[in-house]
Each structure stands twice: as structure tokens, then as C-alpha cells.
Amino acid sequence: MKSMMRAGTLIFITGGVRSGKSAFAECMAIQFAEATSGSLHYIATGRATDQEMESRILRHQEERKNGPYLWKTWEQPMDIGQLAPFFQKYDVVLLDCLTTLLSNELFHEGNHLEDGTIPQKVKDHIMNGLIAVSQNCRVLIVVSNEVLFEPIHQKLVLLYARLLGELHVQIVKIAERAYQMEAGIPLLMKGEPL
């Protein structure tokens, strides 16, 4: 690692499904934690909506629990800003993933999407949460998916994709580094190499 990250650093990693984003993010988080003697935190945004997702969540929990590094896992499908007070200035936080967080927030049962203000409120709520978490830790690594490469015809999916793209733009603006994962290879899109 060439340079030490300043407190409140945000790193963004995006790419296609199964492109290696999460593995890359975990390796990066471990590097930062080792360099700063900080604790590793994992914000998991997934919900067990079916048996396959439940199995996947359990597998990921077991991998972190039984791996060589100690992770504190936070199961937080919504309202990530609530976690900010629990982090310390040397902590390294990995949020996986923004795509699921947006889905959980946007399609929450209390939201009435016919109200045209809801999308902006959801986007602002997520950004405020990310900023709050990043200000209370050494490094926040945010993982997301690229879902904008395919043609979209359904109105709700189009709304979701548009909001995700807008969140990506806002996050990259404030991120110190941004990566695009392609077939397991991280391509640095913004910032200096580690």
C-alpha cells in the first residue's frame, strides 16, 4: 500500500454480477485494517427473501466467522446511517452492497412510489447514511453492481436503474478511489493506485 488513507476515505467498487467485486473489496479492507490496526466491519444489506438467498447469507456469514480475519458483521438492510456511531476512527467498513440497499429502501412497504418525492428522499437518505458512516471510520468501501448495461422496459426497473446510476455518480464524486471490476480484474477509474 503506497499511501495511508486519511480518515473518512470512501472507496467505490462496481462491476457486473460475479465479477469479483466482493473478494477484491474484502482483500482491500484487510490491507487497510492491517496497516492501521483498525477493526474490520462488514455491513451486509441482503435479506433472506428465499431459500437460495438465505443459504447465500449463511455461507457468507460462516466464511467471515471462520476465516483468518475477525470481522464484525452488521446485518443492516436499511438505514445504514444508524450504524455510524458504532465505528471508531481506525475502523475499516465494507458495505456490500449498494444495489441491495437501494432496492430495500426504494421498495420498502411504507413507500408509495406514486409520490414523486420518494425516489429523491431515498437517494438522499442513502447518501446521508454513507457520509455519516464514512466520517466515523478510517475507510468505507462501498460495493455495487452495474445494472445499466441492458435495455430496460419496465417502469419500476427503469426508476431503480436511474436512481442507482445517480447514486454511483454522487458516490464517485466524493470517493478517493473508484474501481470497475471486469472478469476479476480491478480497473482503477479514479484516484491513485495503492
N, C-alpha and C. Protein backbone atom coordinates (compact mmCIF):
# COMPACT_ATOMS: atom_id res chain seq x y z
N MET A 1 0.84 -1.17 0.00
CA MET A 1 0.00 0.00 0.00
C MET A 1 0.89 1.23 0.00
N LYS A 2 0.77 2.06 -1.03
CA LYS A 2 1.67 3.20 -1.20
C LYS A 2 1.42 4.30 -0.18
N SER A 3 0.15 4.62 0.08
CA SER A 3 -0.13 5.72 0.98
C SER A 3 -1.19 5.32 1.98
N MET A 4 -1.09 5.92 3.15
CA MET A 4 -2.08 5.66 4.17
C MET A 4 -3.32 6.49 3.87
N MET A 5 -4.48 5.89 4.06
CA MET A 5 -5.72 6.59 3.79
C MET A 5 -5.99 7.58 4.92
N ARG A 6 -6.54 8.72 4.55
CA ARG A 6 -6.95 9.67 5.56
C ARG A 6 -8.28 9.20 6.16
N ALA A 7 -8.59 9.68 7.35
CA ALA A 7 -9.86 9.32 7.99
C ALA A 7 -11.01 9.78 7.11
N GLY A 8 -12.05 9.00 7.05
CA GLY A 8 -13.22 9.36 6.27
C GLY A 8 -13.09 9.07 4.79
N THR A 9 -12.13 8.24 4.41
CA THR A 9 -11.94 7.92 3.00
C THR A 9 -13.04 6.97 2.51
N LEU A 10 -13.55 7.25 1.32
CA LEU A 10 -14.56 6.40 0.70
C LEU A 10 -13.98 5.81 -0.58
N ILE A 11 -14.15 4.51 -0.73
CA ILE A 11 -13.70 3.80 -1.94
C ILE A 11 -14.91 3.11 -2.53
N PHE A 12 -15.08 3.24 -3.84
CA PHE A 12 -16.23 2.68 -4.55
C PHE A 12 -15.77 1.60 -5.50
N ILE A 13 -16.45 0.45 -5.45
CA ILE A 13 -16.13 -0.68 -6.34
C ILE A 13 -17.43 -1.14 -6.99
N THR A 14 -17.44 -1.15 -8.32
CA THR A 14 -18.62 -1.59 -9.05
C THR A 14 -18.20 -2.57 -10.14
N GLY A 15 -19.18 -3.24 -10.71
CA GLY A 15 -18.93 -4.19 -11.78
C GLY A 15 -20.12 -5.10 -11.96
N GLY A 16 -20.02 -5.98 -12.91
CA GLY A 16 -21.09 -6.92 -13.18
C GLY A 16 -21.23 -7.98 -12.10
N VAL A 17 -22.31 -8.72 -12.18
CA VAL A 17 -22.56 -9.82 -11.24
C VAL A 17 -21.44 -10.85 -11.36
N ARG A 18 -20.94 -11.30 -10.23
CA ARG A 18 -19.89 -12.34 -10.15
C ARG A 18 -18.59 -11.91 -10.84
N SER A 19 -18.31 -10.61 -10.78
CA SER A 19 -17.08 -10.12 -11.41
C SER A 19 -15.89 -10.10 -10.46
N GLY A 20 -16.11 -10.44 -9.19
CA GLY A 20 -15.03 -10.46 -8.21
C GLY A 20 -14.99 -9.24 -7.31
N LYS A 21 -16.06 -8.43 -7.33
CA LYS A 21 -16.09 -7.20 -6.55
C LYS A 21 -15.93 -7.45 -5.06
N SER A 22 -16.71 -8.35 -4.53
CA SER A 22 -16.71 -8.58 -3.08
C SER A 22 -15.37 -9.11 -2.60
N ALA A 23 -14.79 -10.06 -3.32
CA ALA A 23 -13.49 -10.61 -2.93
C ALA A 23 -12.42 -9.53 -2.96
N PHE A 24 -12.44 -8.69 -4.00
CA PHE A 24 -11.48 -7.59 -4.10
C PHE A 24 -11.67 -6.61 -2.94
N ALA A 25 -12.94 -6.28 -2.63
CA ALA A 25 -13.23 -5.35 -1.55
C ALA A 25 -12.77 -5.91 -0.20
N GLU A 26 -12.99 -7.19 0.03
CA GLU A 26 -12.57 -7.80 1.29
C GLU A 26 -11.05 -7.78 1.42
N CYS A 27 -10.33 -8.10 0.36
CA CYS A 27 -8.85 -8.06 0.39
C CYS A 27 -8.37 -6.65 0.68
N MET A 28 -8.98 -5.66 0.05
CA MET A 28 -8.60 -4.27 0.26
C MET A 28 -8.87 -3.86 1.71
N ALA A 29 -10.03 -4.24 2.24
CA ALA A 29 -10.37 -3.90 3.62
C ALA A 29 -9.36 -4.50 4.59
N ILE A 30 -8.97 -5.73 4.35
CA ILE A 30 -7.99 -6.40 5.21
C ILE A 30 -6.66 -5.67 5.17
N GLN A 31 -6.23 -5.26 3.97
CA GLN A 31 -4.97 -4.50 3.84
C GLN A 31 -5.01 -3.22 4.67
N PHE A 32 -6.11 -2.47 4.57
CA PHE A 32 -6.22 -1.23 5.32
C PHE A 32 -6.24 -1.49 6.82
N ALA A 33 -6.98 -2.51 7.25
CA ALA A 33 -7.07 -2.83 8.68
C ALA A 33 -5.70 -3.22 9.23
N GLU A 34 -4.94 -3.99 8.47
CA GLU A 34 -3.60 -4.38 8.91
C GLU A 34 -2.67 -3.17 9.00
N ALA A 35 -2.80 -2.24 8.08
CA ALA A 35 -1.93 -1.06 8.06
C ALA A 35 -2.25 -0.08 9.19
N THR A 36 -3.50 -0.06 9.64
CA THR A 36 -3.91 0.93 10.64
C THR A 36 -4.21 0.32 12.00
N SER A 37 -4.13 -1.01 12.10
CA SER A 37 -4.54 -1.72 13.32
C SER A 37 -6.00 -1.44 13.65
N GLY A 38 -6.79 -1.22 12.61
CA GLY A 38 -8.21 -0.97 12.80
C GLY A 38 -9.01 -2.27 12.77
N SER A 39 -10.22 -2.19 13.23
CA SER A 39 -11.12 -3.34 13.21
C SER A 39 -11.82 -3.42 11.86
N LEU A 40 -12.16 -4.65 11.47
CA LEU A 40 -12.89 -4.90 10.22
C LEU A 40 -14.38 -5.00 10.51
N HIS A 41 -15.16 -4.23 9.76
CA HIS A 41 -16.62 -4.25 9.89
C HIS A 41 -17.23 -4.53 8.53
N TYR A 42 -18.28 -5.35 8.52
CA TYR A 42 -18.95 -5.73 7.29
C TYR A 42 -20.43 -5.37 7.44
N ILE A 43 -20.90 -4.43 6.63
CA ILE A 43 -22.33 -4.10 6.61
C ILE A 43 -22.97 -4.92 5.50
N ALA A 44 -23.78 -5.88 5.89
CA ALA A 44 -24.47 -6.76 4.93
C ALA A 44 -25.89 -6.24 4.74
N THR A 45 -26.24 -5.92 3.51
CA THR A 45 -27.56 -5.33 3.24
C THR A 45 -28.58 -6.35 2.73
N GLY A 46 -28.15 -7.58 2.52
CA GLY A 46 -29.05 -8.59 1.96
C GLY A 46 -30.10 -9.04 2.94
N ARG A 47 -31.24 -9.44 2.40
CA ARG A 47 -32.35 -10.01 3.17
C ARG A 47 -32.61 -11.41 2.65
N ALA A 48 -32.95 -12.31 3.54
CA ALA A 48 -33.27 -13.67 3.15
C ALA A 48 -34.71 -13.73 2.63
N THR A 49 -34.88 -13.42 1.35
CA THR A 49 -36.22 -13.39 0.76
C THR A 49 -36.65 -14.74 0.20
N ASP A 50 -35.69 -15.65 0.00
CA ASP A 50 -35.99 -17.00 -0.44
C ASP A 50 -34.90 -17.94 0.09
N GLN A 51 -35.06 -19.21 -0.16
CA GLN A 51 -34.12 -20.19 0.39
C GLN A 51 -32.70 -20.02 -0.19
N GLU A 52 -32.61 -19.70 -1.47
CA GLU A 52 -31.30 -19.51 -2.08
C GLU A 52 -30.56 -18.34 -1.44
N MET A 53 -31.28 -17.22 -1.23
CA MET A 53 -30.66 -16.05 -0.60
C MET A 53 -30.30 -16.36 0.85
N GLU A 54 -31.14 -17.09 1.55
CA GLU A 54 -30.85 -17.47 2.93
C GLU A 54 -29.58 -18.31 3.00
N SER A 55 -29.43 -19.26 2.08
CA SER A 55 -28.23 -20.10 2.04
C SER A 55 -26.99 -19.26 1.74
N ARG A 56 -27.13 -18.34 0.83
CA ARG A 56 -26.01 -17.47 0.46
C ARG A 56 -25.56 -16.61 1.64
N ILE A 57 -26.53 -16.03 2.35
CA ILE A 57 -26.22 -15.20 3.51
C ILE A 57 -25.51 -16.03 4.57
N LEU A 58 -26.04 -17.21 4.85
CA LEU A 58 -25.41 -18.08 5.86
C LEU A 58 -23.99 -18.47 5.46
N ARG A 59 -23.80 -18.77 4.19
CA ARG A 59 -22.46 -19.13 3.70
C ARG A 59 -21.47 -17.98 3.90
N HIS A 60 -21.89 -16.77 3.55
CA HIS A 60 -21.03 -15.60 3.71
C HIS A 60 -20.73 -15.34 5.19
N GLN A 61 -21.73 -15.50 6.04
CA GLN A 61 -21.52 -15.31 7.48
C GLN A 61 -20.50 -16.32 8.01
N GLU A 62 -20.63 -17.57 7.60
CA GLU A 62 -19.70 -18.61 8.04
C GLU A 62 -18.28 -18.34 7.53
N GLU A 63 -18.16 -17.92 6.28
CA GLU A 63 -16.84 -17.62 5.73
C GLU A 63 -16.14 -16.52 6.53
N ARG A 64 -16.88 -15.46 6.87
CA ARG A 64 -16.28 -14.38 7.66
C ARG A 64 -15.99 -14.83 9.08
N LYS A 65 -16.89 -15.61 9.65
CA LYS A 65 -16.74 -16.08 11.03
C LYS A 65 -15.55 -17.04 11.17
N ASN A 66 -15.35 -17.90 10.20
CA ASN A 66 -14.32 -18.93 10.29
C ASN A 66 -13.05 -18.60 9.52
N GLY A 67 -13.00 -17.43 8.92
CA GLY A 67 -11.82 -17.04 8.15
C GLY A 67 -10.68 -16.60 9.06
N PRO A 68 -9.55 -16.29 8.47
CA PRO A 68 -8.38 -15.91 9.26
C PRO A 68 -8.46 -14.50 9.86
N TYR A 69 -9.45 -13.71 9.44
CA TYR A 69 -9.57 -12.34 9.93
C TYR A 69 -10.88 -12.18 10.68
N LEU A 70 -10.85 -11.36 11.72
CA LEU A 70 -12.02 -11.14 12.56
C LEU A 70 -12.84 -9.99 12.00
N TRP A 71 -14.04 -10.31 11.54
CA TRP A 71 -14.98 -9.32 11.02
C TRP A 71 -16.13 -9.15 12.02
N LYS A 72 -16.54 -7.92 12.25
CA LYS A 72 -17.78 -7.65 12.97
C LYS A 72 -18.83 -7.41 11.89
N THR A 73 -19.82 -8.29 11.83
CA THR A 73 -20.86 -8.18 10.80
C THR A 73 -22.08 -7.47 11.33
N TRP A 74 -22.55 -6.52 10.54
CA TRP A 74 -23.77 -5.78 10.86
C TRP A 74 -24.80 -6.13 9.79
N GLU A 75 -25.86 -6.82 10.16
CA GLU A 75 -26.96 -7.11 9.23
C GLU A 75 -27.85 -5.87 9.21
N GLN A 76 -27.73 -5.08 8.16
CA GLN A 76 -28.42 -3.79 8.11
C GLN A 76 -28.99 -3.57 6.71
N PRO A 77 -30.18 -4.08 6.43
CA PRO A 77 -30.75 -3.95 5.09
C PRO A 77 -31.22 -2.54 4.74
N MET A 78 -31.39 -1.68 5.76
CA MET A 78 -31.83 -0.30 5.53
C MET A 78 -31.21 0.59 6.61
N ASP A 79 -31.32 1.90 6.41
CA ASP A 79 -30.91 2.88 7.43
C ASP A 79 -29.48 2.69 7.91
N ILE A 80 -28.54 2.63 6.98
CA ILE A 80 -27.14 2.37 7.37
C ILE A 80 -26.56 3.49 8.22
N GLY A 81 -27.09 4.69 8.10
CA GLY A 81 -26.60 5.81 8.90
C GLY A 81 -26.72 5.57 10.40
N GLN A 82 -27.66 4.72 10.79
CA GLN A 82 -27.82 4.39 12.21
C GLN A 82 -26.58 3.72 12.79
N LEU A 83 -25.76 3.12 11.94
CA LEU A 83 -24.58 2.42 12.42
C LEU A 83 -23.39 3.35 12.67
N ALA A 84 -23.42 4.55 12.15
CA ALA A 84 -22.27 5.45 12.21
C ALA A 84 -21.68 5.60 13.62
N PRO A 85 -22.48 5.76 14.67
CA PRO A 85 -21.90 5.95 16.00
C PRO A 85 -21.11 4.75 16.53
N PHE A 86 -21.28 3.59 15.91
CA PHE A 86 -20.61 2.39 16.40
C PHE A 86 -19.19 2.22 15.88
N PHE A 87 -18.78 3.07 14.95
CA PHE A 87 -17.45 2.93 14.35
C PHE A 87 -16.46 3.90 14.97
N GLN A 88 -15.19 3.50 14.96
CA GLN A 88 -14.10 4.28 15.52
C GLN A 88 -13.21 4.80 14.39
N LYS A 89 -12.32 5.73 14.71
CA LYS A 89 -11.55 6.41 13.67
C LYS A 89 -10.58 5.51 12.91
N TYR A 90 -10.21 4.33 13.43
CA TYR A 90 -9.31 3.43 12.71
C TYR A 90 -10.04 2.25 12.07
N ASP A 91 -11.35 2.20 12.19
CA ASP A 91 -12.11 1.08 11.66
C ASP A 91 -12.17 1.12 10.13
N VAL A 92 -12.23 -0.06 9.56
CA VAL A 92 -12.41 -0.23 8.12
C VAL A 92 -13.77 -0.89 7.92
N VAL A 93 -14.62 -0.24 7.15
CA VAL A 93 -16.00 -0.69 6.97
C VAL A 93 -16.23 -1.04 5.51
N LEU A 94 -16.78 -2.22 5.29
CA LEU A 94 -17.13 -2.68 3.94
C LEU A 94 -18.65 -2.82 3.87
N LEU A 95 -19.26 -2.10 2.94
CA LEU A 95 -20.71 -2.20 2.72
C LEU A 95 -20.94 -3.00 1.44
N ASP A 96 -21.66 -4.10 1.57
CA ASP A 96 -21.93 -4.97 0.42
C ASP A 96 -23.41 -5.36 0.46
N CYS A 97 -24.27 -4.81 -0.38
CA CYS A 97 -23.91 -3.93 -1.46
C CYS A 97 -24.94 -2.82 -1.61
N LEU A 98 -24.55 -1.77 -2.29
CA LEU A 98 -25.40 -0.61 -2.55
C LEU A 98 -26.64 -0.99 -3.36
N THR A 99 -26.48 -1.90 -4.28
CA THR A 99 -27.59 -2.32 -5.14
C THR A 99 -28.75 -2.85 -4.30
N THR A 100 -28.43 -3.71 -3.35
CA THR A 100 -29.44 -4.30 -2.48
C THR A 100 -30.00 -3.26 -1.52
N LEU A 101 -29.12 -2.40 -1.00
CA LEU A 101 -29.58 -1.34 -0.10
C LEU A 101 -30.60 -0.45 -0.79
N LEU A 102 -30.33 -0.04 -2.02
CA LEU A 102 -31.27 0.79 -2.76
C LEU A 102 -32.60 0.06 -2.96
N SER A 103 -32.54 -1.19 -3.34
CA SER A 103 -33.77 -1.97 -3.52
C SER A 103 -34.58 -2.04 -2.23
N ASN A 104 -33.90 -2.31 -1.12
CA ASN A 104 -34.59 -2.40 0.17
C ASN A 104 -35.24 -1.07 0.55
N GLU A 105 -34.50 0.02 0.34
CA GLU A 105 -35.02 1.34 0.71
C GLU A 105 -36.15 1.79 -0.23
N LEU A 106 -35.94 1.60 -1.53
CA LEU A 106 -36.91 2.09 -2.51
C LEU A 106 -38.23 1.33 -2.45
N PHE A 107 -38.14 0.01 -2.33
CA PHE A 107 -39.35 -0.82 -2.37
C PHE A 107 -39.84 -1.22 -0.99
N HIS A 108 -39.43 -0.46 0.02
CA HIS A 108 -39.91 -0.67 1.39
C HIS A 108 -41.42 -0.53 1.41
N GLU A 109 -42.08 -1.37 2.18
CA GLU A 109 -43.54 -1.41 2.16
C GLU A 109 -44.20 -0.08 2.50
N GLY A 110 -43.53 0.78 3.25
CA GLY A 110 -44.11 2.08 3.60
C GLY A 110 -44.01 3.11 2.49
N ASN A 111 -43.22 2.85 1.47
CA ASN A 111 -43.04 3.82 0.39
C ASN A 111 -44.15 3.69 -0.65
N HIS A 112 -44.68 4.82 -1.01
CA HIS A 112 -45.69 4.87 -2.07
C HIS A 112 -45.02 5.56 -3.26
N LEU A 113 -44.60 4.76 -4.22
CA LEU A 113 -43.79 5.28 -5.32
C LEU A 113 -44.56 6.22 -6.24
N GLU A 114 -45.88 6.21 -6.14
CA GLU A 114 -46.64 7.18 -6.94
C GLU A 114 -46.38 8.61 -6.44
N ASP A 115 -45.90 8.72 -5.20
CA ASP A 115 -45.46 10.01 -4.67
C ASP A 115 -44.10 10.30 -5.31
N GLY A 116 -44.04 11.27 -6.18
CA GLY A 116 -42.83 11.56 -6.94
C GLY A 116 -41.64 12.01 -6.12
N THR A 117 -41.85 12.33 -4.83
CA THR A 117 -40.73 12.77 -3.99
C THR A 117 -39.97 11.61 -3.37
N ILE A 118 -40.55 10.43 -3.36
CA ILE A 118 -39.94 9.27 -2.69
C ILE A 118 -38.56 8.93 -3.27
N PRO A 119 -38.40 8.84 -4.60
CA PRO A 119 -37.06 8.48 -5.12
C PRO A 119 -35.95 9.41 -4.64
N GLN A 120 -36.19 10.72 -4.66
CA GLN A 120 -35.17 11.67 -4.20
C GLN A 120 -34.91 11.50 -2.71
N LYS A 121 -35.97 11.30 -1.93
CA LYS A 121 -35.82 11.09 -0.49
C LYS A 121 -34.99 9.85 -0.21
N VAL A 122 -35.24 8.77 -0.94
CA VAL A 122 -34.49 7.52 -0.76
C VAL A 122 -33.02 7.75 -1.10
N LYS A 123 -32.77 8.40 -2.22
CA LYS A 123 -31.39 8.67 -2.65
C LYS A 123 -30.66 9.52 -1.61
N ASP A 124 -31.31 10.58 -1.13
CA ASP A 124 -30.70 11.45 -0.12
C ASP A 124 -30.44 10.67 1.17
N HIS A 125 -31.38 9.83 1.57
CA HIS A 125 -31.24 9.04 2.80
C HIS A 125 -30.03 8.11 2.71
N ILE A 126 -29.86 7.48 1.57
CA ILE A 126 -28.71 6.58 1.38
C ILE A 126 -27.41 7.36 1.39
N MET A 127 -27.36 8.48 0.65
CA MET A 127 -26.13 9.28 0.61
C MET A 127 -25.78 9.81 2.00
N ASN A 128 -26.77 10.30 2.73
CA ASN A 128 -26.51 10.80 4.08
C ASN A 128 -25.98 9.68 4.99
N GLY A 129 -26.52 8.49 4.83
CA GLY A 129 -26.04 7.36 5.61
C GLY A 129 -24.61 7.00 5.28
N LEU A 130 -24.28 6.97 3.99
CA LEU A 130 -22.90 6.68 3.58
C LEU A 130 -21.93 7.72 4.11
N ILE A 131 -22.30 8.98 4.02
CA ILE A 131 -21.43 10.05 4.50
C ILE A 131 -21.25 9.95 6.01
N ALA A 132 -22.33 9.68 6.74
CA ALA A 132 -22.23 9.55 8.21
C ALA A 132 -21.29 8.41 8.59
N VAL A 133 -21.42 7.27 7.92
CA VAL A 133 -20.54 6.14 8.23
C VAL A 133 -19.10 6.48 7.88
N SER A 134 -18.88 7.07 6.70
CA SER A 134 -17.51 7.36 6.28
C SER A 134 -16.83 8.36 7.20
N GLN A 135 -17.59 9.27 7.78
CA GLN A 135 -17.00 10.27 8.68
C GLN A 135 -16.60 9.68 10.03
N ASN A 136 -17.11 8.51 10.36
CA ASN A 136 -16.82 7.90 11.66
C ASN A 136 -15.84 6.73 11.57
N CYS A 137 -15.22 6.52 10.43
CA CYS A 137 -14.27 5.41 10.30
C CYS A 137 -13.07 5.86 9.47
N ARG A 138 -12.07 5.03 9.39
CA ARG A 138 -10.89 5.34 8.58
C ARG A 138 -11.23 5.22 7.10
N VAL A 139 -11.81 4.07 6.72
CA VAL A 139 -12.11 3.80 5.31
C VAL A 139 -13.49 3.15 5.23
N LEU A 140 -14.30 3.61 4.29
CA LEU A 140 -15.56 2.96 3.94
C LEU A 140 -15.43 2.49 2.50
N ILE A 141 -15.59 1.19 2.29
CA ILE A 141 -15.56 0.61 0.95
C ILE A 141 -16.99 0.23 0.58
N VAL A 142 -17.48 0.78 -0.51
CA VAL A 142 -18.85 0.54 -0.96
C VAL A 142 -18.81 -0.30 -2.23
N VAL A 143 -19.51 -1.44 -2.21
CA VAL A 143 -19.60 -2.33 -3.36
C VAL A 143 -20.97 -2.16 -4.00
N SER A 144 -21.01 -2.13 -5.33
CA SER A 144 -22.27 -2.02 -6.05
C SER A 144 -22.20 -2.84 -7.34
N ASN A 145 -23.33 -2.98 -7.98
CA ASN A 145 -23.43 -3.71 -9.25
C ASN A 145 -23.75 -2.76 -10.38
N GLU A 146 -23.29 -3.11 -11.55
CA GLU A 146 -23.69 -2.39 -12.76
C GLU A 146 -24.91 -3.09 -13.34
N VAL A 147 -26.02 -2.40 -13.34
CA VAL A 147 -27.24 -2.96 -13.90
C VAL A 147 -27.73 -2.14 -15.09
N LEU A 148 -26.92 -1.20 -15.53
CA LEU A 148 -27.37 -0.26 -16.55
C LEU A 148 -26.96 -0.64 -17.96
N PHE A 149 -26.34 -1.80 -18.13
CA PHE A 149 -25.84 -2.18 -19.44
C PHE A 149 -26.90 -2.83 -20.34
N GLU A 150 -28.00 -3.27 -19.77
CA GLU A 150 -29.04 -3.97 -20.53
C GLU A 150 -30.21 -3.03 -20.79
N PRO A 151 -30.93 -3.24 -21.90
CA PRO A 151 -32.12 -2.42 -22.14
C PRO A 151 -33.18 -2.70 -21.07
N ILE A 152 -33.84 -1.64 -20.62
CA ILE A 152 -34.85 -1.76 -19.56
C ILE A 152 -36.16 -1.22 -20.10
N HIS A 153 -37.23 -2.00 -19.90
CA HIS A 153 -38.52 -1.61 -20.45
C HIS A 153 -39.59 -1.41 -19.38
N GLN A 154 -39.38 -1.95 -18.19
CA GLN A 154 -40.38 -1.87 -17.14
C GLN A 154 -40.17 -0.60 -16.32
N LYS A 155 -41.25 0.13 -16.03
CA LYS A 155 -41.16 1.45 -15.42
C LYS A 155 -40.45 1.44 -14.06
N LEU A 156 -40.79 0.53 -13.16
CA LEU A 156 -40.15 0.48 -11.84
C LEU A 156 -38.68 0.11 -11.93
N VAL A 157 -38.35 -0.80 -12.84
CA VAL A 157 -36.96 -1.20 -13.01
C VAL A 157 -36.16 -0.02 -13.58
N LEU A 158 -36.76 0.72 -14.48
CA LEU A 158 -36.11 1.91 -15.04
C LEU A 158 -35.86 2.95 -13.95
N LEU A 159 -36.84 3.16 -13.07
CA LEU A 159 -36.67 4.09 -11.95
C LEU A 159 -35.52 3.64 -11.06
N TYR A 160 -35.51 2.35 -10.73
CA TYR A 160 -34.44 1.79 -9.89
C TYR A 160 -33.07 1.98 -10.54
N ALA A 161 -32.95 1.65 -11.82
CA ALA A 161 -31.69 1.76 -12.54
C ALA A 161 -31.22 3.21 -12.61
N ARG A 162 -32.15 4.12 -12.83
CA ARG A 162 -31.82 5.55 -12.88
C ARG A 162 -31.28 6.02 -11.53
N LEU A 163 -31.96 5.64 -10.44
CA LEU A 163 -31.51 6.03 -9.10
C LEU A 163 -30.14 5.43 -8.78
N LEU A 164 -29.94 4.18 -9.16
CA LEU A 164 -28.64 3.54 -8.90
C LEU A 164 -27.54 4.29 -9.66
N GLY A 165 -27.79 4.63 -10.91
CA GLY A 165 -26.80 5.38 -11.68
C GLY A 165 -26.50 6.73 -11.06
N GLU A 166 -27.53 7.42 -10.58
CA GLU A 166 -27.33 8.71 -9.93
C GLU A 166 -26.55 8.56 -8.63
N LEU A 167 -26.82 7.51 -7.87
CA LEU A 167 -26.05 7.25 -6.65
C LEU A 167 -24.59 6.98 -6.99
N HIS A 168 -24.35 6.18 -8.04
CA HIS A 168 -22.97 5.91 -8.46
C HIS A 168 -22.22 7.22 -8.75
N VAL A 169 -22.87 8.12 -9.48
CA VAL A 169 -22.24 9.39 -9.83
C VAL A 169 -21.92 10.20 -8.57
N GLN A 170 -22.89 10.29 -7.65
CA GLN A 170 -22.68 11.05 -6.42
C GLN A 170 -21.56 10.44 -5.57
N ILE A 171 -21.54 9.13 -5.46
CA ILE A 171 -20.53 8.46 -4.63
C ILE A 171 -19.15 8.64 -5.24
N VAL A 172 -19.03 8.46 -6.55
CA VAL A 172 -17.72 8.61 -7.20
C VAL A 172 -17.20 10.03 -7.05
N LYS A 173 -18.07 11.03 -7.04
CA LYS A 173 -17.64 12.42 -6.85
C LYS A 173 -16.91 12.61 -5.53
N ILE A 174 -17.38 11.93 -4.47
CA ILE A 174 -16.76 12.13 -3.16
C ILE A 174 -15.76 11.02 -2.81
N ALA A 175 -15.67 10.00 -3.64
CA ALA A 175 -14.76 8.89 -3.37
C ALA A 175 -13.32 9.28 -3.68
N GLU A 176 -12.40 8.75 -2.88
CA GLU A 176 -10.99 8.95 -3.16
C GLU A 176 -10.53 8.03 -4.28
N ARG A 177 -11.11 6.83 -4.33
CA ARG A 177 -10.80 5.87 -5.39
C ARG A 177 -12.10 5.22 -5.87
N ALA A 178 -12.12 4.88 -7.16
CA ALA A 178 -13.26 4.15 -7.74
C ALA A 178 -12.71 3.09 -8.68
N TYR A 179 -13.25 1.89 -8.57
CA TYR A 179 -12.82 0.76 -9.38
C TYR A 179 -14.00 0.18 -10.15
N GLN A 180 -13.72 -0.31 -11.34
CA GLN A 180 -14.66 -1.09 -12.14
C GLN A 180 -14.05 -2.49 -12.25
N MET A 181 -14.79 -3.50 -11.83
CA MET A 181 -14.30 -4.88 -11.91
C MET A 181 -14.74 -5.50 -13.24
N GLU A 182 -13.79 -6.11 -13.93
CA GLU A 182 -14.06 -6.81 -15.18
C GLU A 182 -13.41 -8.18 -15.10
N ALA A 183 -14.21 -9.23 -15.03
CA ALA A 183 -13.71 -10.61 -15.02
C ALA A 183 -12.61 -10.82 -13.98
N GLY A 184 -12.84 -10.27 -12.78
CA GLY A 184 -11.89 -10.44 -11.69
C GLY A 184 -10.72 -9.49 -11.70
N ILE A 185 -10.68 -8.56 -12.65
CA ILE A 185 -9.58 -7.61 -12.74
C ILE A 185 -10.09 -6.22 -12.35
N PRO A 186 -9.50 -5.61 -11.30
CA PRO A 186 -9.93 -4.27 -10.91
C PRO A 186 -9.30 -3.21 -11.81
N LEU A 187 -10.14 -2.38 -12.39
CA LEU A 187 -9.68 -1.28 -13.23
C LEU A 187 -9.88 0.01 -12.46
N LEU A 188 -8.79 0.69 -12.12
CA LEU A 188 -8.87 1.93 -11.37
C LEU A 188 -9.42 3.03 -12.27
N MET A 189 -10.56 3.59 -11.89
CA MET A 189 -11.21 4.62 -12.68
C MET A 189 -10.99 6.03 -12.12
N LYS A 190 -10.68 6.09 -10.80
CA LYS A 190 -10.44 7.38 -10.17
C LYS A 190 -9.46 7.18 -9.02
N GLY A 191 -8.51 8.10 -8.86
CA GLY A 191 -7.58 8.06 -7.75
C GLY A 191 -6.24 7.46 -8.12
N GLU A 192 -5.39 7.37 -7.11
CA GLU A 192 -4.04 6.84 -7.26
C GLU A 192 -4.01 5.36 -6.92
N PRO A 193 -3.18 4.57 -7.59
CA PRO A 193 -3.06 3.15 -7.24
C PRO A 193 -2.55 2.99 -5.81
N LEU A 194 -2.92 1.89 -5.20
CA LEU A 194 -2.45 1.61 -3.83
C LEU A 194 -0.98 1.22 -3.85
